[in-house]
Protein backbone atom coordinates (compact mmCIF):
# COMPACT_ATOMS: atom_id res chain seq x y z
CA MET A 1 0.00 0.00 0.00
CA GLU A 2 1.33 3.42 -0.96
CA LEU A 3 2.06 5.94 1.76
CA SER A 4 -0.18 9.01 1.97
CA LEU A 5 1.07 12.34 0.71
CA TYR A 6 1.22 13.41 4.36
CA GLU A 7 3.63 10.57 5.13
CA ARG A 8 5.71 11.14 1.97
CA LEU A 9 6.15 14.82 2.90
CA GLY A 10 7.61 13.86 6.28
CA GLY A 11 4.48 13.87 8.41
CA SER A 12 3.67 16.78 10.69
CA GLU A 13 7.33 17.69 11.21
CA GLY A 14 8.18 17.76 7.51
CA ILE A 15 5.05 19.66 6.54
CA THR A 16 5.53 22.20 9.33
CA LYS A 17 9.02 22.91 7.97
CA ILE A 18 7.71 23.23 4.39
CA ALA A 19 4.93 25.61 5.48
CA SER A 20 7.36 27.71 7.51
CA ASP A 21 9.80 27.94 4.61
CA ALA A 22 6.99 28.88 2.21
CA LEU A 23 5.77 31.67 4.49
CA ASP A 24 9.33 32.97 4.89
CA LEU A 25 9.51 33.14 1.09
CA HIS A 26 6.12 34.91 0.93
CA LEU A 27 7.44 37.60 3.29
CA LYS A 28 10.25 38.36 0.81
CA HIS A 29 8.22 38.05 -2.39
CA PRO A 30 7.51 41.51 -3.87
CA ALA A 31 4.15 40.46 -5.34
CA ILE A 32 2.68 39.31 -2.00
CA ALA A 33 4.83 40.48 0.93
CA THR A 34 2.52 43.39 1.75
CA ARG A 35 -0.38 40.95 2.23
CA TYR A 36 1.40 39.69 5.35
CA SER A 37 2.54 43.01 6.84
CA LYS A 38 -0.05 43.00 9.65
CA SER A 39 -0.13 39.23 10.20
CA ASN A 40 0.90 37.33 13.28
CA ILE A 41 3.52 35.26 11.48
CA PRO A 42 3.92 32.46 14.09
CA GLU A 43 0.14 31.95 14.18
CA LEU A 44 -0.07 32.07 10.39
CA LYS A 45 2.72 29.49 10.05
CA LYS A 46 0.92 27.19 12.50
CA ALA A 47 -2.41 27.55 10.69
CA ALA A 48 -0.79 27.00 7.28
CA ALA A 49 1.02 23.89 8.54
CA ASN A 50 -2.15 22.51 10.13
CA PHE A 51 -4.16 23.12 6.96
CA PHE A 52 -1.45 21.45 4.87
CA ILE A 53 -1.24 18.51 7.31
CA MET A 54 -4.99 17.93 7.13
CA GLY A 55 -5.11 18.43 3.35
CA THR A 56 -2.44 15.83 2.66
CA GLY A 57 -4.03 13.02 4.62
CA GLY A 58 -2.70 13.71 8.09
CA PRO A 59 -4.66 14.23 11.28
CA ASN A 60 -7.40 16.86 11.27
CA VAL A 61 -5.60 19.49 13.33
CA TYR A 62 -6.81 22.54 11.36
CA GLU A 63 -9.22 24.79 13.26
CA GLY A 64 -9.34 27.76 10.89
CA LYS A 65 -11.86 28.98 8.36
CA ASP A 66 -12.38 27.35 4.97
CA MET A 67 -10.52 28.83 1.98
CA LEU A 68 -13.48 30.77 0.58
CA THR A 69 -14.31 32.42 3.91
CA THR A 70 -10.63 33.19 4.55
CA HIS A 71 -10.05 34.86 1.18
CA LYS A 72 -13.45 36.47 0.51
CA GLY A 73 -13.10 40.19 -0.13
CA MET A 74 -9.30 40.10 -0.41
CA ASN A 75 -9.45 40.45 -4.21
CA ILE A 76 -6.43 38.18 -4.70
CA SER A 77 -5.14 38.29 -8.27
CA ASP A 78 -3.83 35.51 -10.49
CA VAL A 79 -0.37 37.08 -10.16
CA GLU A 80 -0.55 36.82 -6.37
CA PHE A 81 -1.90 33.27 -6.49
CA ASN A 82 0.94 32.24 -8.83
CA ALA A 83 3.49 33.92 -6.54
CA VAL A 84 2.23 31.80 -3.65
CA ILE A 85 2.45 28.68 -5.82
CA ASP A 86 6.01 29.56 -6.86
CA ASP A 87 7.03 30.03 -3.21
CA ILE A 88 5.47 26.74 -2.18
CA LEU A 89 7.26 24.94 -5.00
CA GLN A 90 10.52 26.54 -3.90
CA ALA A 91 9.87 25.44 -0.30
CA LEU A 92 9.22 21.90 -1.51
CA GLU A 93 12.49 22.01 -3.43
CA MET A 94 14.34 23.36 -0.37
CA ASN A 95 13.06 20.34 1.55
CA ASN A 96 14.07 17.80 -1.11
CA VAL A 97 10.51 16.79 -1.95
CA GLY A 98 10.21 14.42 -4.92
CA GLN A 99 8.64 15.31 -8.26
CA LYS A 100 5.56 13.11 -7.78
CA GLU A 101 4.80 14.78 -4.45
CA LYS A 102 5.32 18.26 -5.94
CA GLU A 103 2.81 17.43 -8.65
CA GLU A 104 0.29 16.19 -6.08
CA VAL A 105 0.71 19.37 -4.01
CA LEU A 106 0.25 21.48 -7.16
CA PHE A 107 -2.94 19.60 -8.00
CA VAL A 108 -4.34 20.30 -4.52
CA LEU A 109 -3.35 23.99 -4.69
CA TYR A 110 -4.89 24.54 -8.11
CA SER A 111 -8.07 22.76 -7.02
CA MET A 112 -8.55 25.55 -4.45
CA LYS A 113 -7.94 28.44 -6.86
CA LYS A 114 -11.65 29.20 -7.35
CA GLU A 115 -11.97 29.67 -3.57
CA ILE A 116 -9.02 32.08 -3.40
CA VAL A 117 -8.69 34.24 -6.52
CA ALA A 118 -11.07 37.18 -7.10
CA VAL A 119 -13.60 36.11 -4.45
């Protein structure tokens, strides 16, 4: 039996590191950095990791809002969405994640686009 994406990404520890690295990249990315200027970064990293853990087949530890509720009224553009995707891919690369897993993560991210962009 194949391991879940959660397990292949290193479980909670691996995913927490990936989420933290991705958010660090977001904070430096000119297209999206200002979106995070008033955020509580440690809380945001925890929420992002927990969402990612749950979304990849790990335990349901996420207690935040759904994607549509979270992003409604933010008027996020395609450019911003793609910047986030680029940062996540870079974080996956930084953590030596395999190609198959990267593709699975991309599939999940793009499946949420309609709940994030221009809502």
